[in-house]
Amino acid sequence: NAVKAIQQGDYKTPLPIVDDTELGALSQHINNLAQALEQASREQHQAMAQLIQTREEAEKANNAKSDFLAMMSHELRTPMNGVLGMLQLLETTDMTEEQVEYAALASESTEHLLKVINDILDFSRIERSELELEHIPFNLADLISACAQSFQHSAVQRGLDLQLQIPDDMRGLQVQGDPTRIRQILVNLVGNALKFTER
């Protein structure tokens, strides 16, 4: 019957209104309430469907953004590595003091731009849960030295003295890890240290 249907969540079956007595009025009120519940249930289902659709569209847009960032990062990183390699070769040639300074500044700027590109690429990988850390052997002292060297010109420009002291027993130390990520951390630390250190 209608009462059982309402109890089971079916609000489409109205109670019969047999007369104009209080019982009939009660039946009418119950029918009105059932109609309101039916409308609310329908609107709730529509809202849920809209939320699901919106979430799916947002996920698609986010994936498209991550794919675009990854593609652009790859496309930019290749020529930037080429530029950096040419600058490093240039630094091995005979140059005037002024040319050495210009080449060092260009190399430093290129390395920093590569850092930004790598950060963007890592961000897109993290969003897609595709970031994997390397586990390869490398010389920690060489990595730290190269990182510090890339900031020497910037330190001079800021009137700062950037010094690196590595114990002798660490110079041949081989470690296992992800040198790219460690370099990114060091670049951020040293870069911020120079940026926020006053003369």
Foldseek 3Di string as FASTA:
>chain_A
DQVVCVVVVNLPDADDQDDDDPVSVVSVVSNVVSVVSVVVVVVVVVVVVVVVVVVVVVVVVLLVVLVVLQVVLVVVLVVLVVVLVVLVVVCVDDDDPVVNLVSLVVNLVSVVVNLVSVVSNQVSCVVVVNDDWFWAKDQPVVLLVVLQSSCCSVCVVQVHDRDDDDDPVRRRDIGTTHSVVVSSVSNVVVVVCSVPDHD
